[in-house]
Amino acid sequence: MNTVPSTSDLSHTNPVSTWKTVAFQGVAGAYAHIAAQQAVPHATAIPCESFAAAIKLVESGQADGAVLPVENSTMGRIADIHALLPHTPLHIVAETYLPINHCLIGLKGAEISQIKRVYSQSPAIQQCINTLNSMGLAHENYIDTAGSAKLVAEKQDPSLAALASSLAAEVYDLHVLKTPMNDEPNNITRFLLLGPQAWTPPADQPTKTTLLFRVRDIPAALYKALGGFATNGLNLSRLESYLVGGNFKAAEFFIDVESHPNAKPMQNALEELSHFTTSVRLMGVYPAAH
C-alpha cells in the first residue's frame, strides 16, 4: 500500500505574504504580469523568456515565487505548464483567476481602417479568431501578447497592430483601437503561484488540494483510485493525465480536489487512493480563489 504524504508538519503561514520578487513568462505588460500584480501586489515582478526559465529562477533562489498560467476557459489547459509541473520541486501555494480581455492595440493616431496585420501569441489569436475574420484582419503568430505590442511600437508602422492587454498599451505607449476582441466574453485564465515553501491554510476555509499520483498496474486502477473521492462526496475540479517513460502503458494523474487534506472525507479518500497507487505527491494545499 502506498503512503499518502502528511500535512501535519506544514506551516500555517501563507508564504506569498513574504515574497519580494515573483517571476512570470513574458515581457512587461503580459497577462501573467497583470496576474502577478493582482496576486502579489507587494512584490517586484520579474519577466522571463519562458515558463521553464521562470521556474528555474525560483528553484535557484533568484526569485521568491512564480506566477504561471495553467488553464483557460476558452482554450483549455496550458500544455507547456502541465509538462513542467511534475518535474519541479516547487509547491503550489495559491491560485488566482484573471479575466482576459484582449485589446487591438496600434500606434497613437492610427485608425482601425489602416490596420492590415495583427500580431499576437497563438492562443490569443485563437480566442479572437472570429472577431479578426469579421474585421478582415490578417494575423501572424508572435512569441507572446505583450511582446507583440512591443514589436508594433518598435516598427512604428500604422498598418500593424497587436492583440494584447491594456497594460501593454500603456507600457509601450500605444493606443487601444478596440476592446474586447475576444470572441467569448467570459474568457478567464487560471494562474498558479509556485514557491519553495509548502503550507496549509486553515481547514475552515474553502481549500484546494492538488495531487500527482501514479496508479498500480491492475485492471480499472484509475476508477478504483478515484472511487474514494466520489463515495466521500468530494468534487474534482481538474483531472489531467501524463504518459510516463515514453510509452502508452504507464501514466500519472494530476487532480485538484475541492477539500482540505485534514477534513475527514478527504482523509478517507486519500486512504482509498493509497491502495491503488504506487506513488502520491502532494503538489500543494491552498485557498480556493473565486
C-alpha atoms as a PDB file:
ATOM      1  CA  MET A   1       0.000   0.000   0.000  1.00  0.00           C
ATOM      2  CA  ASN A   2       1.318   3.460  -0.903  1.00  0.00           C
ATOM      3  CA  THR A   3       1.698   6.103   1.811  1.00  0.00           C
ATOM      4  CA  VAL A   4      -0.049   9.419   1.170  1.00  0.00           C
ATOM      5  CA  PRO A   5       2.011  12.487   2.200  1.00  0.00           C
ATOM      6  CA  SER A   6       1.088  14.103   5.531  1.00  0.00           C
ATOM      7  CA  THR A   7       0.446  17.826   6.039  1.00  0.00           C
ATOM      8  CA  SER A   8       0.948  17.775   9.809  1.00  0.00           C
ATOM      9  CA  ASP A   9       4.386  19.412   9.640  1.00  0.00           C
ATOM     10  CA  LEU A  10       3.448  22.156   7.158  1.00  0.00           C
ATOM     11  CA  SER A  11       3.408  25.839   8.087  1.00  0.00           C
ATOM     12  CA  HIS A  12       0.060  27.619   8.508  1.00  0.00           C
ATOM     13  CA  THR A  13       1.501  30.927   7.301  1.00  0.00           C
ATOM     14  CA  ASN A  14       0.963  31.862   3.674  1.00  0.00           C
ATOM     15  CA  PRO A  15       4.489  32.236   2.198  1.00  0.00           C
ATOM     16  CA  VAL A  16       3.205  34.579  -0.535  1.00  0.00           C
ATOM     17  CA  SER A  17       2.894  37.333   2.072  1.00  0.00           C
ATOM     18  CA  THR A  18       6.689  37.423   2.417  1.00  0.00           C
ATOM     19  CA  TRP A  19       7.564  37.311  -1.288  1.00  0.00           C
ATOM     20  CA  LYS A  20       9.586  40.275  -2.512  1.00  0.00           C
ATOM     21  CA  THR A  21      10.015  39.062  -6.097  1.00  0.00           C
ATOM     22  CA  VAL A  22       7.822  36.996  -8.411  1.00  0.00           C
ATOM     23  CA  ALA A  23       8.764  35.593 -11.824  1.00  0.00           C
ATOM     24  CA  PHE A  24       6.463  35.397 -14.851  1.00  0.00           C
ATOM     25  CA  GLN A  25       6.779  34.377 -18.504  1.00  0.00           C
ATOM     26  CA  GLY A  26       6.768  37.207 -20.997  1.00  0.00           C
ATOM     27  CA  VAL A  27       7.716  40.862 -21.079  1.00  0.00           C
ATOM     28  CA  ALA A  28       6.255  43.833 -19.226  1.00  0.00           C
ATOM     29  CA  GLY A  29       2.541  44.138 -19.930  1.00  0.00           C
ATOM     30  CA  ALA A  30       1.909  40.395 -20.332  1.00  0.00           C
ATOM     31  CA  TYR A  31      -1.238  38.926 -18.787  1.00  0.00           C
ATOM     32  CA  ALA A  32       0.985  36.987 -16.390  1.00  0.00           C
ATOM     33  CA  HIS A  33       2.449  40.356 -15.359  1.00  0.00           C
ATOM     34  CA  ILE A  34      -1.072  41.544 -14.526  1.00  0.00           C
ATOM     35  CA  ALA A  35      -1.772  38.297 -12.656  1.00  0.00           C
ATOM     36  CA  ALA A  36       1.417  38.808 -10.648  1.00  0.00           C
ATOM     37  CA  GLN A  37       0.376  42.347  -9.748  1.00  0.00           C
ATOM     38  CA  GLN A  38      -3.074  41.075  -8.768  1.00  0.00           C
ATOM     39  CA  ALA A  39      -1.911  38.139  -6.663  1.00  0.00           C
ATOM     40  CA  VAL A  40       1.303  39.585  -5.190  1.00  0.00           C
ATOM     41  CA  PRO A  41       0.937  43.380  -5.338  1.00  0.00           C
ATOM     42  CA  HIS A  42       3.735  43.909  -2.817  1.00  0.00           C
ATOM     43  CA  ALA A  43       6.353  42.017  -4.895  1.00  0.00           C
ATOM     44  CA  THR A  44       8.500  43.100  -7.823  1.00  0.00           C
ATOM     45  CA  ALA A  45       7.556  41.201 -10.997  1.00  0.00           C
ATOM     46  CA  ILE A  46      10.478  39.717 -12.962  1.00  0.00           C
ATOM     47  CA  PRO A  47       9.929  38.911 -16.683  1.00  0.00           C
ATOM     48  CA  CYS A  48      11.332  35.631 -18.053  1.00  0.00           C
ATOM     49  CA  GLU A  49      11.708  34.274 -21.579  1.00  0.00           C
ATOM     50  CA  SER A  50       9.902  31.004 -20.883  1.00  0.00           C
ATOM     51  CA  PHE A  51       7.836  29.129 -18.292  1.00  0.00           C
ATOM     52  CA  ALA A  52      10.851  26.915 -17.602  1.00  0.00           C
ATOM     53  CA  ALA A  53      13.037  29.970 -17.007  1.00  0.00           C
ATOM     54  CA  ALA A  54      10.537  31.365 -14.512  1.00  0.00           C
ATOM     55  CA  ILE A  55      10.521  28.076 -12.604  1.00  0.00           C
ATOM     56  CA  LYS A  56      14.321  27.851 -12.660  1.00  0.00           C
ATOM     57  CA  LEU A  57      14.588  31.377 -11.278  1.00  0.00           C
ATOM     58  CA  VAL A  58      12.619  30.279  -8.211  1.00  0.00           C
ATOM     59  CA  GLU A  59      14.407  26.942  -7.884  1.00  0.00           C
ATOM     60  CA  SER A  60      17.766  28.759  -7.860  1.00  0.00           C
ATOM     61  CA  GLY A  61      16.608  31.237  -5.222  1.00  0.00           C
ATOM     62  CA  GLN A  62      16.787  34.252  -7.548  1.00  0.00           C
ATOM     63  CA  ALA A  63      13.025  34.832  -7.196  1.00  0.00           C
ATOM     64  CA  ASP A  64      10.725  34.080  -4.279  1.00  0.00           C
ATOM     65  CA  GLY A  65       7.913  32.659  -6.400  1.00  0.00           C
ATOM     66  CA  ALA A  66       6.419  32.345  -9.867  1.00  0.00           C
ATOM     67  CA  VAL A  67       3.006  33.037 -11.394  1.00  0.00           C
ATOM     68  CA  LEU A  68       2.163  30.629 -14.222  1.00  0.00           C
ATOM     69  CA  PRO A  69      -0.994  30.131 -16.330  1.00  0.00           C
ATOM     70  CA  VAL A  70      -2.387  26.611 -16.078  1.00  0.00           C
ATOM     71  CA  GLU A  71      -5.726  26.682 -17.916  1.00  0.00           C
ATOM     72  CA  ASN A  72      -8.014  28.984 -19.872  1.00  0.00           C
ATOM     73  CA  SER A  73     -11.811  28.853 -20.025  1.00  0.00           C
ATOM     74  CA  THR A  74     -11.769  29.107 -23.830  1.00  0.00           C
ATOM     75  CA  MET A  75      -8.634  27.172 -24.847  1.00  0.00           C
ATOM     76  CA  GLY A  76      -8.360  24.600 -22.042  1.00  0.00           C
ATOM     77  CA  ARG A  77      -5.111  23.576 -20.380  1.00  0.00           C
ATOM     78  CA  ILE A  78      -1.745  25.244 -20.996  1.00  0.00           C
ATOM     79  CA  ALA A  79       0.182  22.180 -22.178  1.00  0.00           C
ATOM     80  CA  ASP A  80       3.679  23.576 -21.534  1.00  0.00           C
ATOM     81  CA  ILE A  81       2.911  24.142 -17.851  1.00  0.00           C
ATOM     82  CA  HIS A  82       1.486  20.650 -17.399  1.00  0.00           C
ATOM     83  CA  ALA A  83       4.673  19.208 -18.867  1.00  0.00           C
ATOM     84  CA  LEU A  84       6.808  21.141 -16.375  1.00  0.00           C
ATOM     85  CA  LEU A  85       4.877  20.718 -13.117  1.00  0.00           C
ATOM     86  CA  PRO A  86       5.754  17.051 -12.431  1.00  0.00           C
ATOM     87  CA  HIS A  87       9.465  17.818 -12.672  1.00  0.00           C
ATOM     88  CA  THR A  88       9.843  20.786 -10.335  1.00  0.00           C
ATOM     89  CA  PRO A  89      10.279  20.515  -6.544  1.00  0.00           C
ATOM     90  CA  LEU A  90       8.273  23.727  -6.116  1.00  0.00           C
ATOM     91  CA  HIS A  91       4.889  23.726  -4.397  1.00  0.00           C
ATOM     92  CA  ILE A  92       1.591  25.244  -5.470  1.00  0.00           C
ATOM     93  CA  VAL A  93       0.846  27.828  -2.772  1.00  0.00           C
ATOM     94  CA  ALA A  94      -2.008  29.848  -4.283  1.00  0.00           C
ATOM     95  CA  GLU A  95      -4.169  30.374  -7.337  1.00  0.00           C
ATOM     96  CA  THR A  96      -5.697  33.416  -8.981  1.00  0.00           C
ATOM     97  CA  TYR A  97      -8.167  33.932 -11.832  1.00  0.00           C
ATOM     98  CA  LEU A  98      -7.736  36.727 -14.362  1.00  0.00           C
ATOM     99  CA  PRO A  99     -10.356  37.864 -16.915  1.00  0.00           C
ATOM    100  CA  ILE A 100      -8.609  38.096 -20.285  1.00  0.00           C
ATOM    101  CA  ASN A 101      -9.917  40.998 -22.353  1.00  0.00           C
ATOM    102  CA  HIS A 102      -7.774  41.236 -25.456  1.00  0.00           C
ATOM    103  CA  CYS A 103      -7.313  44.693 -26.941  1.00  0.00           C
ATOM    104  CA  LEU A 104      -6.497  45.641 -30.519  1.00  0.00           C
ATOM    105  CA  ILE A 105      -3.502  47.906 -29.998  1.00  0.00           C
ATOM    106  CA  GLY A 106      -1.855  50.173 -32.544  1.00  0.00           C
ATOM    107  CA  LEU A 107       0.215  53.320 -32.823  1.00  0.00           C
ATOM    108  CA  LYS A 108      -1.209  56.520 -31.406  1.00  0.00           C
ATOM    109  CA  GLY A 109      -3.044  58.315 -34.198  1.00  0.00           C
ATOM    110  CA  ALA A 110      -3.672  55.109 -36.160  1.00  0.00           C
ATOM    111  CA  GLU A 111      -7.231  54.177 -37.188  1.00  0.00           C
ATOM    112  CA  ILE A 112      -8.767  50.696 -37.356  1.00  0.00           C
ATOM    113  CA  SER A 113      -9.281  51.189 -41.105  1.00  0.00           C
ATOM    114  CA  GLN A 114      -5.498  51.420 -41.514  1.00  0.00           C
ATOM    115  CA  ILE A 115      -4.733  48.092 -39.820  1.00  0.00           C
ATOM    116  CA  LYS A 116      -3.653  45.317 -42.213  1.00  0.00           C
ATOM    117  CA  ARG A 117      -1.839  42.797 -39.986  1.00  0.00           C
ATOM    118  CA  VAL A 118      -2.236  41.794 -36.335  1.00  0.00           C
ATOM    119  CA  TYR A 119       0.477  40.111 -34.253  1.00  0.00           C
ATOM    120  CA  SER A 120      -0.044  38.038 -31.141  1.00  0.00           C
ATOM    121  CA  GLN A 121       0.564  34.742 -29.410  1.00  0.00           C
ATOM    122  CA  SER A 122      -1.268  31.816 -30.990  1.00  0.00           C
ATOM    123  CA  PRO A 123      -3.751  31.217 -28.112  1.00  0.00           C
ATOM    124  CA  ALA A 124      -4.715  34.909 -28.124  1.00  0.00           C
ATOM    125  CA  ILE A 125      -5.323  34.825 -31.880  1.00  0.00           C
ATOM    126  CA  GLN A 126      -7.481  31.715 -31.493  1.00  0.00           C
ATOM    127  CA  GLN A 127      -9.500  33.404 -28.747  1.00  0.00           C
ATOM    128  CA  CYS A 128     -10.204  36.312 -31.131  1.00  0.00           C
ATOM    129  CA  ILE A 129     -10.319  34.470 -34.454  1.00  0.00           C
ATOM    130  CA  ASN A 130     -13.972  35.164 -35.294  1.00  0.00           C
ATOM    131  CA  THR A 131     -13.618  38.856 -34.475  1.00  0.00           C
ATOM    132  CA  LEU A 132     -10.442  39.136 -36.539  1.00  0.00           C
ATOM    133  CA  ASN A 133     -12.072  37.401 -39.508  1.00  0.00           C
ATOM    134  CA  SER A 134     -15.175  39.565 -39.317  1.00  0.00           C
ATOM    135  CA  MET A 135     -12.940  42.657 -39.424  1.00  0.00           C
ATOM    136  CA  GLY A 136     -10.936  41.254 -42.332  1.00  0.00           C
ATOM    137  CA  LEU A 137      -7.653  41.435 -40.430  1.00  0.00           C
ATOM    138  CA  ALA A 138      -4.715  39.183 -41.321  1.00  0.00           C
ATOM    139  CA  HIS A 139      -2.904  37.739 -38.320  1.00  0.00           C
ATOM    140  CA  GLU A 140       0.557  36.401 -37.563  1.00  0.00           C
ATOM    141  CA  ASN A 141       1.828  34.404 -34.583  1.00  0.00           C
ATOM    142  CA  TYR A 142       4.420  36.009 -32.342  1.00  0.00           C
ATOM    143  CA  ILE A 143       6.194  34.947 -29.148  1.00  0.00           C
ATOM    144  CA  ASP A 144       3.665  36.484 -26.722  1.00  0.00           C
ATOM    145  CA  THR A 145       0.967  39.132 -26.405  1.00  0.00           C
ATOM    146  CA  ALA A 146       2.972  41.913 -24.748  1.00  0.00           C
ATOM    147  CA  GLY A 147       5.947  41.106 -26.973  1.00  0.00           C
ATOM    148  CA  SER A 148       3.667  41.720 -29.947  1.00  0.00           C
ATOM    149  CA  ALA A 149       2.769  45.149 -28.580  1.00  0.00           C
ATOM    150  CA  LYS A 150       6.473  45.894 -28.122  1.00  0.00           C
ATOM    151  CA  LEU A 151       7.096  44.829 -31.740  1.00  0.00           C
ATOM    152  CA  VAL A 152       4.394  47.190 -33.032  1.00  0.00           C
ATOM    153  CA  ALA A 153       5.923  50.042 -31.031  1.00  0.00           C
ATOM    154  CA  GLU A 154       9.369  49.294 -32.446  1.00  0.00           C
ATOM    155  CA  LYS A 155       8.233  49.040 -36.089  1.00  0.00           C
ATOM    156  CA  GLN A 156       6.290  52.328 -35.981  1.00  0.00           C
ATOM    157  CA  ASP A 157       4.067  51.152 -38.855  1.00  0.00           C
ATOM    158  CA  PRO A 158       0.430  52.378 -38.592  1.00  0.00           C
ATOM    159  CA  SER A 159      -0.785  49.344 -40.579  1.00  0.00           C
ATOM    160  CA  LEU A 160       0.320  46.963 -37.781  1.00  0.00           C
ATOM    161  CA  ALA A 161      -1.462  46.125 -34.543  1.00  0.00           C
ATOM    162  CA  ALA A 162      -1.227  43.639 -31.688  1.00  0.00           C
ATOM    163  CA  LEU A 163      -3.633  41.670 -29.559  1.00  0.00           C
ATOM    164  CA  ALA A 164      -2.541  42.334 -26.007  1.00  0.00           C
ATOM    165  CA  SER A 165      -3.581  43.795 -22.663  1.00  0.00           C
ATOM    166  CA  SER A 166      -4.411  47.401 -21.903  1.00  0.00           C
ATOM    167  CA  LEU A 167      -1.348  47.366 -19.633  1.00  0.00           C
ATOM    168  CA  ALA A 168       0.813  46.519 -22.668  1.00  0.00           C
ATOM    169  CA  ALA A 169      -0.631  49.535 -24.476  1.00  0.00           C
ATOM    170  CA  GLU A 170       0.308  51.697 -21.505  1.00  0.00           C
ATOM    171  CA  VAL A 171       3.816  50.216 -21.148  1.00  0.00           C
ATOM    172  CA  TYR A 172       4.699  50.642 -24.849  1.00  0.00           C
ATOM    173  CA  ASP A 173       2.918  53.978 -25.356  1.00  0.00           C
ATOM    174  CA  LEU A 174       0.356  52.575 -27.800  1.00  0.00           C
ATOM    175  CA  HIS A 175      -3.352  53.193 -28.360  1.00  0.00           C
ATOM    176  CA  VAL A 176      -6.250  50.791 -27.752  1.00  0.00           C
ATOM    177  CA  LEU A 177      -8.223  50.741 -31.004  1.00  0.00           C
ATOM    178  CA  LYS A 178     -10.872  48.232 -29.920  1.00  0.00           C
ATOM    179  CA  THR A 179     -11.705  46.153 -26.840  1.00  0.00           C
ATOM    180  CA  PRO A 180     -12.653  43.478 -26.081  1.00  0.00           C
ATOM    181  CA  MET A 181     -11.542  41.498 -29.103  1.00  0.00           C
ATOM    182  CA  ASN A 182     -12.075  38.004 -27.668  1.00  0.00           C
ATOM    183  CA  ASP A 183     -14.962  36.002 -29.126  1.00  0.00           C
ATOM    184  CA  GLU A 184     -16.121  34.726 -25.731  1.00  0.00           C
ATOM    185  CA  PRO A 185     -16.999  37.410 -23.171  1.00  0.00           C
ATOM    186  CA  ASN A 186     -16.134  35.138 -20.237  1.00  0.00           C
ATOM    187  CA  ASN A 187     -12.521  34.489 -21.193  1.00  0.00           C
ATOM    188  CA  ILE A 188     -10.692  33.668 -17.957  1.00  0.00           C
ATOM    189  CA  THR A 189      -7.241  32.239 -17.247  1.00  0.00           C
ATOM    190  CA  ARG A 190      -6.352  30.434 -14.049  1.00  0.00           C
ATOM    191  CA  PHE A 191      -2.842  31.055 -12.728  1.00  0.00           C
ATOM    192  CA  LEU A 192      -0.934  29.032 -10.142  1.00  0.00           C
ATOM    193  CA  LEU A 193       1.587  30.548  -7.746  1.00  0.00           C
ATOM    194  CA  LEU A 194       4.586  28.296  -7.152  1.00  0.00           C
ATOM    195  CA  GLY A 195       7.124  28.638  -4.376  1.00  0.00           C
ATOM    196  CA  PRO A 196       9.762  26.637  -2.485  1.00  0.00           C
ATOM    197  CA  GLN A 197       7.847  26.555   0.815  1.00  0.00           C
ATOM    198  CA  ALA A 198       4.679  24.458   1.177  1.00  0.00           C
ATOM    199  CA  TRP A 199       1.919  25.453   3.590  1.00  0.00           C
ATOM    200  CA  THR A 200      -1.631  24.569   4.530  1.00  0.00           C
ATOM    201  CA  PRO A 201      -4.400  27.139   5.074  1.00  0.00           C
ATOM    202  CA  PRO A 202      -6.938  26.898   7.919  1.00  0.00           C
ATOM    203  CA  ALA A 203      -9.285  23.946   7.472  1.00  0.00           C
ATOM    204  CA  ASP A 204     -12.385  26.130   7.908  1.00  0.00           C
ATOM    205  CA  GLN A 205     -11.991  27.985   4.590  1.00  0.00           C
ATOM    206  CA  PRO A 206     -12.589  26.807   1.005  1.00  0.00           C
ATOM    207  CA  THR A 207      -9.450  24.913   0.011  1.00  0.00           C
ATOM    208  CA  LYS A 208      -7.985  23.055  -2.945  1.00  0.00           C
ATOM    209  CA  THR A 209      -5.581  20.142  -2.677  1.00  0.00           C
ATOM    210  CA  THR A 210      -3.533  19.221  -5.743  1.00  0.00           C
ATOM    211  CA  LEU A 211      -2.130  15.692  -6.063  1.00  0.00           C
ATOM    212  CA  LEU A 212       0.074  13.910  -8.584  1.00  0.00           C
ATOM    213  CA  PHE A 213      -0.181  10.121  -8.471  1.00  0.00           C
ATOM    214  CA  ARG A 214       0.700   7.003 -10.426  1.00  0.00           C
ATOM    215  CA  VAL A 215      -1.747   4.091 -10.445  1.00  0.00           C
ATOM    216  CA  ARG A 216      -0.876   0.458  -9.932  1.00  0.00           C
ATOM    217  CA  ASP A 217      -0.786  -1.853 -12.955  1.00  0.00           C
ATOM    218  CA  ILE A 218      -4.119  -3.537 -12.273  1.00  0.00           C
ATOM    219  CA  PRO A 219      -7.465  -3.520 -14.131  1.00  0.00           C
ATOM    220  CA  ALA A 220      -9.623  -0.418 -13.525  1.00  0.00           C
ATOM    221  CA  ALA A 221      -6.909   1.125 -11.351  1.00  0.00           C
ATOM    222  CA  LEU A 222      -7.870   4.748 -12.108  1.00  0.00           C
ATOM    223  CA  TYR A 223     -11.562   4.049 -11.493  1.00  0.00           C
ATOM    224  CA  LYS A 224     -10.718   2.481  -8.150  1.00  0.00           C
ATOM    225  CA  ALA A 225      -8.238   5.209  -7.209  1.00  0.00           C
ATOM    226  CA  LEU A 226     -10.818   7.932  -7.789  1.00  0.00           C
ATOM    227  CA  GLY A 227     -13.691   5.986  -6.256  1.00  0.00           C
ATOM    228  CA  GLY A 228     -12.909   7.207  -2.747  1.00  0.00           C
ATOM    229  CA  PHE A 229     -13.426  10.817  -3.773  1.00  0.00           C
ATOM    230  CA  ALA A 230     -16.864  10.024  -5.196  1.00  0.00           C
ATOM    231  CA  THR A 231     -18.043   7.936  -2.225  1.00  0.00           C
ATOM    232  CA  ASN A 232     -16.916  10.669   0.166  1.00  0.00           C
ATOM    233  CA  GLY A 233     -18.746  13.406  -1.735  1.00  0.00           C
ATOM    234  CA  LEU A 234     -15.640  15.271  -2.904  1.00  0.00           C
ATOM    235  CA  ASN A 235     -15.505  17.260  -6.125  1.00  0.00           C
ATOM    236  CA  LEU A 236     -12.570  17.007  -8.536  1.00  0.00           C
ATOM    237  CA  SER A 237     -12.275  20.297 -10.409  1.00  0.00           C
ATOM    238  CA  ARG A 238      -9.479  19.023 -12.655  1.00  0.00           C
ATOM    239  CA  LEU A 239      -8.095  15.701 -13.873  1.00  0.00           C
ATOM    240  CA  GLU A 240      -5.098  15.543 -16.224  1.00  0.00           C
ATOM    241  CA  SER A 241      -3.002  12.589 -17.360  1.00  0.00           C
ATOM    242  CA  TYR A 242       0.703  12.282 -18.199  1.00  0.00           C
ATOM    243  CA  LEU A 243       2.323   9.410 -20.070  1.00  0.00           C
ATOM    244  CA  VAL A 244       5.376   8.069 -18.251  1.00  0.00           C
ATOM    245  CA  GLY A 245       8.563   6.593 -19.702  1.00  0.00           C
ATOM    246  CA  GLY A 246       7.816   7.380 -23.333  1.00  0.00           C
ATOM    247  CA  ASN A 247       5.143   4.698 -23.759  1.00  0.00           C
ATOM    248  CA  PHE A 248       1.374   4.331 -23.569  1.00  0.00           C
ATOM    249  CA  LYS A 249       1.292   1.755 -20.776  1.00  0.00           C
ATOM    250  CA  ALA A 250       2.090   3.884 -17.718  1.00  0.00           C
ATOM    251  CA  ALA A 251       0.510   7.172 -16.709  1.00  0.00           C
ATOM    252  CA  GLU A 252       0.494   9.704 -13.898  1.00  0.00           C
ATOM    253  CA  PHE A 253      -2.577  11.714 -12.993  1.00  0.00           C
ATOM    254  CA  PHE A 254      -2.857  15.267 -11.754  1.00  0.00           C
ATOM    255  CA  ILE A 255      -6.013  16.184  -9.800  1.00  0.00           C
ATOM    256  CA  ASP A 256      -7.429  19.206  -7.995  1.00  0.00           C
ATOM    257  CA  VAL A 257      -9.713  18.253  -5.108  1.00  0.00           C
ATOM    258  CA  GLU A 258     -12.027  20.830  -3.550  1.00  0.00           C
ATOM    259  CA  SER A 259     -11.245  19.887   0.016  1.00  0.00           C
ATOM    260  CA  HIS A 260      -8.727  20.328   2.805  1.00  0.00           C
ATOM    261  CA  PRO A 261      -6.437  17.320   3.483  1.00  0.00           C
ATOM    262  CA  ASN A 262      -7.341  17.410   7.181  1.00  0.00           C
ATOM    263  CA  ALA A 263     -11.071  17.061   6.503  1.00  0.00           C
ATOM    264  CA  LYS A 264     -12.378  13.579   7.375  1.00  0.00           C
ATOM    265  CA  PRO A 265     -13.929  12.876   3.925  1.00  0.00           C
ATOM    266  CA  MET A 266     -10.617  13.827   2.295  1.00  0.00           C
ATOM    267  CA  GLN A 267      -8.641  11.600   4.665  1.00  0.00           C
ATOM    268  CA  ASN A 268     -10.957   8.705   3.811  1.00  0.00           C
ATOM    269  CA  ALA A 269     -10.496   9.356   0.085  1.00  0.00           C
ATOM    270  CA  LEU A 270      -6.703   9.527   0.455  1.00  0.00           C
ATOM    271  CA  GLU A 271      -6.712   6.250   2.343  1.00  0.00           C
ATOM    272  CA  GLU A 272      -8.638   4.662  -0.538  1.00  0.00           C
ATOM    273  CA  LEU A 273      -6.281   6.266  -3.060  1.00  0.00           C
ATOM    274  CA  SER A 274      -3.249   4.733  -1.336  1.00  0.00           C
ATOM    275  CA  HIS A 275      -4.458   1.178  -2.093  1.00  0.00           C
ATOM    276  CA  PHE A 276      -4.433   1.686  -5.869  1.00  0.00           C
ATOM    277  CA  THR A 277      -1.351   3.865  -6.433  1.00  0.00           C
ATOM    278  CA  THR A 278       2.390   3.309  -6.456  1.00  0.00           C
ATOM    279  CA  SER A 279       3.198   6.936  -5.632  1.00  0.00           C
ATOM    280  CA  VAL A 280       1.332  10.035  -4.477  1.00  0.00           C
ATOM    281  CA  ARG A 281       2.844  13.503  -4.374  1.00  0.00           C
ATOM    282  CA  LEU A 282       1.185  16.421  -2.610  1.00  0.00           C
ATOM    283  CA  MET A 283       1.717  19.285  -5.062  1.00  0.00           C
ATOM    284  CA  GLY A 284       0.044  21.904  -2.904  1.00  0.00           C
ATOM    285  CA  VAL A 285      -2.699  22.913  -0.478  1.00  0.00           C
ATOM    286  CA  TYR A 286      -4.010  26.449  -0.951  1.00  0.00           C
ATOM    287  CA  PRO A 287      -7.109  28.666  -0.625  1.00  0.00           C
ATOM    288  CA  ALA A 288      -9.657  28.255  -3.408  1.00  0.00           C
ATOM    289  CA  ALA A 289      -9.838  31.501  -5.379  1.00  0.00           C
ATOM    290  CA  HIS A 290     -13.058  32.847  -6.863  1.00  0.00           C
END
